[in-house]
N, C-alpha and C. Protein backbone atom coordinates (compact mmCIF):
# COMPACT_ATOMS: atom_id res chain seq x y z
N UNK A 1 21.21 60.92 -62.30
CA UNK A 1 20.71 59.57 -62.39
C UNK A 1 19.55 59.57 -63.36
N UNK A 2 19.56 58.68 -64.30
CA UNK A 2 18.53 58.54 -65.35
C UNK A 2 17.78 57.24 -65.16
N UNK A 3 16.57 57.24 -65.47
CA UNK A 3 15.75 56.02 -65.38
C UNK A 3 15.47 55.52 -66.80
N UNK A 4 15.48 54.30 -66.92
CA UNK A 4 15.19 53.72 -68.23
C UNK A 4 13.64 53.53 -68.39
N UNK A 5 13.07 53.95 -69.50
CA UNK A 5 11.65 53.80 -69.69
C UNK A 5 11.14 52.35 -69.60
N UNK A 6 11.95 51.42 -70.09
CA UNK A 6 11.53 49.96 -69.99
C UNK A 6 11.36 49.53 -68.55
N UNK A 7 12.30 49.98 -67.73
CA UNK A 7 12.21 49.55 -66.30
C UNK A 7 10.99 50.16 -65.60
N UNK A 8 10.70 51.41 -65.91
CA UNK A 8 9.51 52.11 -65.32
C UNK A 8 8.30 51.42 -65.79
N UNK A 9 8.18 51.09 -67.08
CA UNK A 9 6.97 50.41 -67.62
C UNK A 9 6.80 48.98 -66.94
N UNK A 10 7.91 48.28 -66.78
CA UNK A 10 7.82 46.96 -66.20
C UNK A 10 7.36 47.05 -64.69
N UNK A 11 7.88 48.03 -63.95
CA UNK A 11 7.49 48.10 -62.53
C UNK A 11 6.04 48.57 -62.46
N UNK A 12 5.59 49.51 -63.30
CA UNK A 12 4.17 49.90 -63.30
C UNK A 12 3.27 48.73 -63.71
N UNK A 13 3.67 47.96 -64.60
CA UNK A 13 2.89 46.74 -65.04
C UNK A 13 2.76 45.83 -63.89
N UNK A 14 3.79 45.59 -63.13
CA UNK A 14 3.65 44.74 -62.02
C UNK A 14 2.80 45.22 -60.96
N UNK A 15 2.78 46.55 -60.68
CA UNK A 15 1.84 47.08 -59.70
C UNK A 15 0.41 46.89 -60.18
N UNK A 16 0.15 47.15 -61.49
CA UNK A 16 -1.23 46.98 -61.99
C UNK A 16 -1.61 45.53 -61.92
N UNK A 17 -0.69 44.62 -62.22
CA UNK A 17 -0.97 43.22 -62.10
C UNK A 17 -1.24 42.80 -60.69
N UNK A 18 -0.49 43.26 -59.75
CA UNK A 18 -0.73 43.03 -58.33
C UNK A 18 -2.11 43.56 -57.91
N UNK A 19 -2.42 44.71 -58.32
CA UNK A 19 -3.70 45.36 -58.01
C UNK A 19 -4.86 44.54 -58.59
N UNK A 20 -4.64 44.03 -59.79
CA UNK A 20 -5.65 43.19 -60.41
C UNK A 20 -5.86 41.90 -59.68
N UNK A 21 -4.76 41.29 -59.21
CA UNK A 21 -4.83 40.11 -58.43
C UNK A 21 -5.53 40.33 -57.10
N UNK A 22 -5.24 41.49 -56.57
CA UNK A 22 -5.96 41.85 -55.28
C UNK A 22 -7.46 42.03 -55.55
N UNK A 23 -7.88 42.59 -56.69
CA UNK A 23 -9.28 42.70 -57.00
C UNK A 23 -9.93 41.36 -57.24
N UNK A 24 -9.25 40.52 -57.98
CA UNK A 24 -9.75 39.15 -58.21
C UNK A 24 -9.86 38.34 -56.92
N UNK A 25 -8.88 38.50 -56.09
CA UNK A 25 -8.97 37.85 -54.73
C UNK A 25 -10.14 38.33 -53.91
N UNK A 26 -10.42 39.61 -54.00
CA UNK A 26 -11.54 40.17 -53.24
C UNK A 26 -12.83 39.65 -53.87
N UNK A 27 -12.93 39.54 -55.21
CA UNK A 27 -14.11 39.08 -55.88
C UNK A 27 -14.38 37.61 -55.52
N UNK A 28 -13.26 36.81 -55.54
CA UNK A 28 -13.43 35.34 -55.21
C UNK A 28 -13.86 35.24 -53.73
N UNK A 29 -13.27 36.06 -52.85
CA UNK A 29 -13.68 36.01 -51.49
C UNK A 29 -15.12 36.40 -51.26
N UNK A 30 -15.59 37.44 -52.00
CA UNK A 30 -16.96 37.89 -51.90
C UNK A 30 -17.94 36.83 -52.47
N UNK A 31 -17.51 36.20 -53.60
CA UNK A 31 -18.29 35.18 -54.20
C UNK A 31 -18.48 33.96 -53.24
N UNK A 32 -17.39 33.64 -52.59
CA UNK A 32 -17.41 32.46 -51.63
C UNK A 32 -18.32 32.78 -50.49
N UNK A 33 -18.20 34.03 -49.97
CA UNK A 33 -19.06 34.48 -48.90
C UNK A 33 -20.51 34.49 -49.26
N UNK A 34 -20.79 35.02 -50.48
CA UNK A 34 -22.15 35.04 -50.95
C UNK A 34 -22.73 33.71 -51.13
N UNK A 35 -21.94 32.78 -51.68
CA UNK A 35 -22.39 31.37 -51.93
C UNK A 35 -22.67 30.68 -50.58
N UNK A 36 -21.80 30.88 -49.59
CA UNK A 36 -21.98 30.32 -48.28
C UNK A 36 -23.29 30.88 -47.66
N UNK A 37 -23.57 32.17 -47.76
CA UNK A 37 -24.78 32.69 -47.25
C UNK A 37 -25.97 32.17 -47.96
N UNK A 38 -25.93 32.04 -49.28
CA UNK A 38 -26.97 31.51 -50.08
C UNK A 38 -27.32 30.11 -49.65
N UNK A 39 -26.35 29.25 -49.41
CA UNK A 39 -26.57 27.87 -48.96
C UNK A 39 -27.21 27.87 -47.57
N UNK A 40 -26.77 28.73 -46.68
CA UNK A 40 -27.38 28.81 -45.34
C UNK A 40 -28.82 29.23 -45.48
N UNK A 41 -29.15 30.20 -46.29
CA UNK A 41 -30.54 30.69 -46.50
C UNK A 41 -31.37 29.59 -47.04
N UNK A 42 -30.90 28.73 -48.00
CA UNK A 42 -31.64 27.73 -48.59
C UNK A 42 -31.91 26.61 -47.57
N UNK A 43 -30.96 26.28 -46.75
CA UNK A 43 -31.16 25.32 -45.67
C UNK A 43 -32.19 25.74 -44.67
N UNK A 44 -32.18 27.08 -44.34
CA UNK A 44 -33.14 27.61 -43.43
C UNK A 44 -34.58 27.57 -44.04
N UNK A 45 -34.69 27.87 -45.37
CA UNK A 45 -35.95 27.76 -46.09
C UNK A 45 -36.42 26.31 -46.07
N UNK A 46 -35.52 25.38 -46.30
CA UNK A 46 -35.95 23.95 -46.25
C UNK A 46 -36.44 23.57 -44.87
N UNK A 47 -35.79 23.97 -43.82
CA UNK A 47 -36.22 23.64 -42.49
C UNK A 47 -37.60 24.23 -42.20
N UNK A 48 -37.83 25.46 -42.61
CA UNK A 48 -39.10 26.08 -42.38
C UNK A 48 -40.26 25.36 -43.13
N UNK A 49 -39.91 25.05 -44.42
CA UNK A 49 -40.92 24.35 -45.25
C UNK A 49 -41.24 22.98 -44.67
N UNK A 50 -40.24 22.22 -44.28
CA UNK A 50 -40.45 20.89 -43.72
C UNK A 50 -41.28 21.02 -42.36
N UNK A 51 -41.06 22.09 -41.63
CA UNK A 51 -41.78 22.23 -40.41
C UNK A 51 -43.26 22.50 -40.65
N UNK A 52 -43.56 23.35 -41.70
CA UNK A 52 -44.94 23.62 -42.04
C UNK A 52 -45.65 22.34 -42.58
N UNK A 53 -44.93 21.59 -43.37
CA UNK A 53 -45.53 20.34 -43.89
C UNK A 53 -45.75 19.37 -42.82
N UNK A 54 -44.80 19.28 -41.82
CA UNK A 54 -44.99 18.38 -40.69
C UNK A 54 -46.19 18.69 -39.88
N UNK A 55 -46.42 20.05 -39.69
CA UNK A 55 -47.58 20.41 -38.89
C UNK A 55 -48.87 19.99 -39.63
N UNK A 56 -48.93 20.29 -40.91
CA UNK A 56 -50.13 19.91 -41.69
C UNK A 56 -50.39 18.40 -41.71
N UNK A 57 -49.31 17.62 -41.81
CA UNK A 57 -49.42 16.15 -41.77
C UNK A 57 -49.94 15.70 -40.33
N UNK A 58 -49.39 16.42 -39.34
CA UNK A 58 -49.81 16.09 -37.92
C UNK A 58 -51.26 16.35 -37.69
N UNK A 59 -51.80 17.45 -38.24
CA UNK A 59 -53.25 17.71 -38.07
C UNK A 59 -54.08 16.65 -38.83
N UNK A 60 -53.60 16.27 -40.02
CA UNK A 60 -54.34 15.25 -40.78
C UNK A 60 -54.31 13.90 -40.04
N UNK A 61 -53.15 13.53 -39.47
CA UNK A 61 -53.08 12.30 -38.76
C UNK A 61 -53.95 12.34 -37.50
N UNK A 62 -53.97 13.44 -36.85
CA UNK A 62 -54.82 13.59 -35.63
C UNK A 62 -56.34 13.44 -35.99
N UNK A 63 -56.71 14.03 -37.13
CA UNK A 63 -58.10 13.85 -37.56
C UNK A 63 -58.38 12.38 -37.91
N UNK A 64 -57.45 11.75 -38.59
CA UNK A 64 -57.64 10.30 -38.85
C UNK A 64 -57.78 9.53 -37.56
N UNK A 65 -56.94 9.85 -36.60
CA UNK A 65 -57.05 9.15 -35.29
C UNK A 65 -58.41 9.41 -34.66
N UNK A 66 -58.84 10.64 -34.70
CA UNK A 66 -60.16 10.99 -34.13
C UNK A 66 -61.26 10.25 -34.89
N UNK A 67 -61.16 10.17 -36.20
CA UNK A 67 -62.15 9.46 -36.95
C UNK A 67 -62.21 7.95 -36.61
N UNK A 68 -61.05 7.39 -36.34
CA UNK A 68 -61.00 5.98 -35.90
C UNK A 68 -61.63 5.79 -34.54
N UNK A 69 -61.38 6.70 -33.63
CA UNK A 69 -61.96 6.64 -32.29
C UNK A 69 -63.49 6.72 -32.33
N UNK A 70 -63.99 7.69 -33.13
CA UNK A 70 -65.40 7.88 -33.30
C UNK A 70 -66.08 6.62 -33.90
N UNK A 71 -65.36 6.11 -34.96
CA UNK A 71 -65.88 4.86 -35.59
C UNK A 71 -65.91 3.70 -34.63
N UNK A 72 -64.97 3.63 -33.74
CA UNK A 72 -65.01 2.57 -32.67
C UNK A 72 -66.23 2.74 -31.77
N UNK A 73 -66.52 4.00 -31.38
CA UNK A 73 -67.75 4.24 -30.64
C UNK A 73 -68.98 3.85 -31.46
N UNK A 74 -68.94 4.13 -32.72
CA UNK A 74 -70.05 3.78 -33.61
C UNK A 74 -70.22 2.28 -33.67
N UNK A 75 -69.08 1.57 -33.75
CA UNK A 75 -69.23 0.09 -33.73
C UNK A 75 -69.80 -0.41 -32.36
N UNK A 76 -69.35 0.22 -31.29
CA UNK A 76 -69.97 -0.17 -29.99
C UNK A 76 -71.45 0.09 -29.96
N UNK A 77 -71.86 1.18 -30.47
CA UNK A 77 -73.28 1.49 -30.51
C UNK A 77 -74.05 0.59 -31.44
N UNK A 78 -73.43 0.17 -32.54
CA UNK A 78 -74.01 -0.76 -33.44
C UNK A 78 -74.16 -2.14 -32.80
N UNK A 79 -73.18 -2.55 -32.05
CA UNK A 79 -73.24 -3.81 -31.30
C UNK A 79 -74.40 -3.70 -30.26
N UNK A 80 -74.42 -2.56 -29.57
CA UNK A 80 -75.51 -2.34 -28.59
C UNK A 80 -76.88 -2.42 -29.29
N UNK A 81 -76.93 -1.78 -30.49
CA UNK A 81 -78.24 -1.81 -31.25
C UNK A 81 -78.61 -3.29 -31.61
N UNK A 82 -77.70 -4.07 -31.98
CA UNK A 82 -78.00 -5.46 -32.36
C UNK A 82 -78.50 -6.24 -31.11
N UNK A 83 -77.82 -5.99 -29.96
CA UNK A 83 -78.21 -6.66 -28.74
C UNK A 83 -79.61 -6.19 -28.33
N UNK A 84 -79.82 -4.89 -28.31
CA UNK A 84 -81.12 -4.39 -27.92
C UNK A 84 -82.19 -4.77 -28.92
N UNK A 85 -81.83 -4.89 -30.16
CA UNK A 85 -82.78 -5.29 -31.18
C UNK A 85 -83.28 -6.69 -30.97
N UNK A 86 -82.41 -7.55 -30.55
CA UNK A 86 -82.82 -8.92 -30.31
C UNK A 86 -83.59 -9.02 -28.95
N UNK A 87 -83.23 -8.12 -28.00
CA UNK A 87 -83.86 -8.22 -26.74
C UNK A 87 -85.24 -7.59 -26.67
N UNK A 88 -85.49 -6.53 -27.40
CA UNK A 88 -86.80 -5.91 -27.36
C UNK A 88 -87.31 -5.74 -28.75
N UNK A 89 -88.49 -5.29 -28.86
CA UNK A 89 -89.12 -5.16 -30.18
C UNK A 89 -88.58 -4.01 -30.99
N UNK A 90 -88.99 -2.80 -30.78
CA UNK A 90 -88.60 -1.72 -31.66
C UNK A 90 -87.86 -0.51 -31.05
N UNK A 91 -88.38 0.11 -30.04
CA UNK A 91 -87.77 1.38 -29.63
C UNK A 91 -86.34 1.38 -29.17
N UNK A 92 -85.88 0.46 -28.43
CA UNK A 92 -84.52 0.48 -27.90
C UNK A 92 -83.49 0.31 -29.00
N UNK A 93 -83.65 -0.72 -29.85
CA UNK A 93 -82.58 -0.87 -30.86
C UNK A 93 -82.67 0.21 -31.97
N UNK A 94 -83.85 0.69 -32.24
CA UNK A 94 -84.01 1.78 -33.21
C UNK A 94 -83.27 3.08 -32.76
N UNK A 95 -83.38 3.33 -31.49
CA UNK A 95 -82.62 4.53 -30.97
C UNK A 95 -81.14 4.29 -31.01
N UNK A 96 -80.70 3.08 -30.68
CA UNK A 96 -79.29 2.75 -30.74
C UNK A 96 -78.78 2.77 -32.19
N UNK A 97 -79.61 2.36 -33.15
CA UNK A 97 -79.21 2.42 -34.57
C UNK A 97 -79.05 3.80 -35.05
N UNK A 98 -79.95 4.74 -34.59
CA UNK A 98 -79.87 6.11 -34.95
C UNK A 98 -78.61 6.76 -34.42
N UNK A 99 -78.23 6.46 -33.16
CA UNK A 99 -77.01 6.97 -32.59
C UNK A 99 -75.78 6.44 -33.32
N UNK A 100 -75.83 5.19 -33.73
CA UNK A 100 -74.68 4.63 -34.48
C UNK A 100 -74.52 5.31 -35.88
N UNK A 101 -75.69 5.58 -36.49
CA UNK A 101 -75.66 6.22 -37.83
C UNK A 101 -75.07 7.64 -37.68
N UNK A 102 -75.40 8.36 -36.65
CA UNK A 102 -74.92 9.70 -36.41
C UNK A 102 -73.41 9.64 -36.16
N UNK A 103 -72.92 8.67 -35.35
CA UNK A 103 -71.53 8.59 -35.03
C UNK A 103 -70.74 8.26 -36.33
N UNK A 104 -71.26 7.36 -37.18
CA UNK A 104 -70.57 7.03 -38.39
C UNK A 104 -70.51 8.20 -39.35
N UNK A 105 -71.58 8.99 -39.37
CA UNK A 105 -71.56 10.19 -40.21
C UNK A 105 -70.49 11.22 -39.75
N UNK A 106 -70.35 11.30 -38.44
CA UNK A 106 -69.31 12.20 -37.89
C UNK A 106 -67.92 11.67 -38.24
N UNK A 107 -67.77 10.34 -38.11
CA UNK A 107 -66.44 9.72 -38.49
C UNK A 107 -66.15 9.91 -39.94
N UNK A 108 -67.16 9.88 -40.81
CA UNK A 108 -66.89 10.07 -42.22
C UNK A 108 -66.45 11.49 -42.54
N UNK A 109 -67.05 12.46 -41.89
CA UNK A 109 -66.67 13.85 -42.09
C UNK A 109 -65.26 14.09 -41.57
N UNK A 110 -64.94 13.58 -40.45
CA UNK A 110 -63.57 13.72 -39.88
C UNK A 110 -62.54 13.02 -40.75
N UNK A 111 -62.88 11.84 -41.32
CA UNK A 111 -61.97 11.15 -42.20
C UNK A 111 -61.72 11.96 -43.47
N UNK A 112 -62.76 12.55 -44.04
CA UNK A 112 -62.60 13.40 -45.26
C UNK A 112 -61.76 14.65 -44.96
N UNK A 113 -61.96 15.24 -43.82
CA UNK A 113 -61.11 16.38 -43.43
C UNK A 113 -59.68 16.01 -43.23
N UNK A 114 -59.42 14.86 -42.57
CA UNK A 114 -58.10 14.35 -42.37
C UNK A 114 -57.41 14.08 -43.71
N UNK A 115 -58.12 13.47 -44.64
CA UNK A 115 -57.59 13.14 -45.95
C UNK A 115 -57.16 14.48 -46.65
N UNK A 116 -58.02 15.50 -46.53
CA UNK A 116 -57.69 16.78 -47.20
C UNK A 116 -56.40 17.39 -46.59
N UNK A 117 -56.28 17.36 -45.27
CA UNK A 117 -55.06 17.90 -44.62
C UNK A 117 -53.82 17.14 -45.04
N UNK A 118 -53.85 15.83 -45.04
CA UNK A 118 -52.72 15.04 -45.42
C UNK A 118 -52.37 15.24 -46.85
N UNK A 119 -53.38 15.37 -47.76
CA UNK A 119 -53.12 15.68 -49.11
C UNK A 119 -52.51 17.06 -49.34
N UNK A 120 -52.95 17.98 -48.53
CA UNK A 120 -52.38 19.42 -48.64
C UNK A 120 -50.90 19.40 -48.24
N UNK A 121 -50.56 18.52 -47.31
CA UNK A 121 -49.13 18.47 -46.83
C UNK A 121 -48.28 18.07 -47.98
N UNK A 122 -48.71 17.14 -48.85
CA UNK A 122 -47.93 16.71 -49.98
C UNK A 122 -46.75 15.90 -49.51
N UNK A 123 -45.84 15.55 -50.51
CA UNK A 123 -44.68 14.80 -50.09
C UNK A 123 -43.73 15.63 -49.18
N UNK A 124 -42.96 14.95 -48.32
CA UNK A 124 -42.11 15.68 -47.37
C UNK A 124 -40.88 16.21 -48.01
N UNK A 125 -41.01 16.97 -49.11
CA UNK A 125 -39.87 17.53 -49.86
C UNK A 125 -40.07 19.05 -49.79
N UNK A 126 -39.04 19.77 -49.41
CA UNK A 126 -39.14 21.25 -49.35
C UNK A 126 -39.15 21.82 -50.74
N UNK A 127 -40.26 21.83 -51.44
CA UNK A 127 -40.35 22.22 -52.81
C UNK A 127 -39.80 23.61 -53.10
N UNK A 128 -40.20 24.55 -52.31
CA UNK A 128 -39.69 25.94 -52.57
C UNK A 128 -38.22 26.04 -52.46
N UNK A 129 -37.66 25.37 -51.42
CA UNK A 129 -36.21 25.43 -51.22
C UNK A 129 -35.52 24.72 -52.38
N UNK A 130 -36.00 23.58 -52.85
CA UNK A 130 -35.41 22.89 -53.99
C UNK A 130 -35.51 23.73 -55.25
N UNK A 131 -36.66 24.32 -55.50
CA UNK A 131 -36.81 25.26 -56.60
C UNK A 131 -35.82 26.39 -56.53
N UNK A 132 -35.68 26.98 -55.35
CA UNK A 132 -34.69 28.06 -55.14
C UNK A 132 -33.26 27.60 -55.46
N UNK A 133 -32.88 26.38 -55.06
CA UNK A 133 -31.54 25.94 -55.37
C UNK A 133 -31.34 25.72 -56.87
N UNK A 134 -32.43 25.21 -57.56
CA UNK A 134 -32.33 25.09 -58.99
C UNK A 134 -32.14 26.41 -59.69
N UNK A 135 -32.90 27.42 -59.24
CA UNK A 135 -32.74 28.74 -59.79
C UNK A 135 -31.37 29.30 -59.56
N UNK A 136 -30.82 29.05 -58.38
CA UNK A 136 -29.51 29.58 -58.01
C UNK A 136 -28.43 28.90 -58.92
N UNK A 137 -28.62 27.62 -59.13
CA UNK A 137 -27.62 26.89 -60.00
C UNK A 137 -27.74 27.41 -61.44
N UNK A 138 -28.95 27.63 -61.89
CA UNK A 138 -29.11 28.19 -63.26
C UNK A 138 -28.46 29.55 -63.34
N UNK A 139 -28.64 30.35 -62.35
CA UNK A 139 -28.07 31.71 -62.34
C UNK A 139 -26.48 31.61 -62.35
N UNK A 140 -25.93 30.67 -61.58
CA UNK A 140 -24.49 30.48 -61.54
C UNK A 140 -23.97 29.99 -62.82
N UNK A 141 -24.81 29.18 -63.56
CA UNK A 141 -24.34 28.70 -64.86
C UNK A 141 -24.43 29.77 -65.95
N UNK A 142 -25.17 30.81 -65.62
CA UNK A 142 -25.29 31.94 -66.59
C UNK A 142 -26.57 31.85 -67.38
N UNK A 143 -27.49 30.99 -67.10
CA UNK A 143 -28.75 30.92 -67.80
C UNK A 143 -29.71 31.83 -67.03
N UNK A 144 -29.89 33.01 -67.52
CA UNK A 144 -30.78 33.99 -66.90
C UNK A 144 -32.15 33.93 -67.57
N UNK A 145 -33.23 34.01 -66.81
CA UNK A 145 -34.58 34.03 -67.37
C UNK A 145 -34.88 35.44 -67.91
N UNK A 146 -35.37 35.47 -69.13
CA UNK A 146 -35.71 36.79 -69.66
C UNK A 146 -37.09 37.21 -69.22
N UNK A 147 -37.33 38.45 -69.14
CA UNK A 147 -38.63 38.92 -68.67
C UNK A 147 -39.70 38.43 -69.67
N UNK A 148 -40.83 37.89 -69.07
CA UNK A 148 -41.95 37.49 -69.95
C UNK A 148 -41.74 36.04 -70.44
N UNK A 149 -40.51 35.56 -70.40
CA UNK A 149 -40.26 34.20 -70.96
C UNK A 149 -39.62 33.37 -69.86
N UNK A 150 -39.98 32.14 -69.83
CA UNK A 150 -39.35 31.27 -68.83
C UNK A 150 -38.64 30.14 -69.55
N UNK A 151 -37.49 29.69 -68.99
CA UNK A 151 -36.76 28.62 -69.59
C UNK A 151 -37.30 27.28 -69.13
N UNK A 152 -37.27 26.28 -69.96
CA UNK A 152 -37.86 24.98 -69.56
C UNK A 152 -37.06 24.26 -68.49
């Protein structure tokens, strides 16, 4: 029995082609798995970042609320100072005015601290996660950043 060289070459070519298809299939499967993991990681990063920003905004809002409460006490003391000022000559209303001034100073400090915390929280956008997604998309498109140089 003799074998024809053309037939042997054709059968070997088919095996190589099938092996290549198996390798491409494995690569596509791996790429799909990696992309899925990448998306899950980016979503987790977004959740974490939003949680941190929410906490910062909550502290700022709490300080604003505290500032409002202290300012309300200051207003009450100021009203008491006006009443006492009309009722007596100097000592009673002057002491109430001093208390009101101290309360308003405390309210001003709390309001400034609250403003700083709310400003630090920034917009409720997970910036690091969004930046990571943009970098991933650029990498998938084939735009790699060179060392020392950044792309616009």
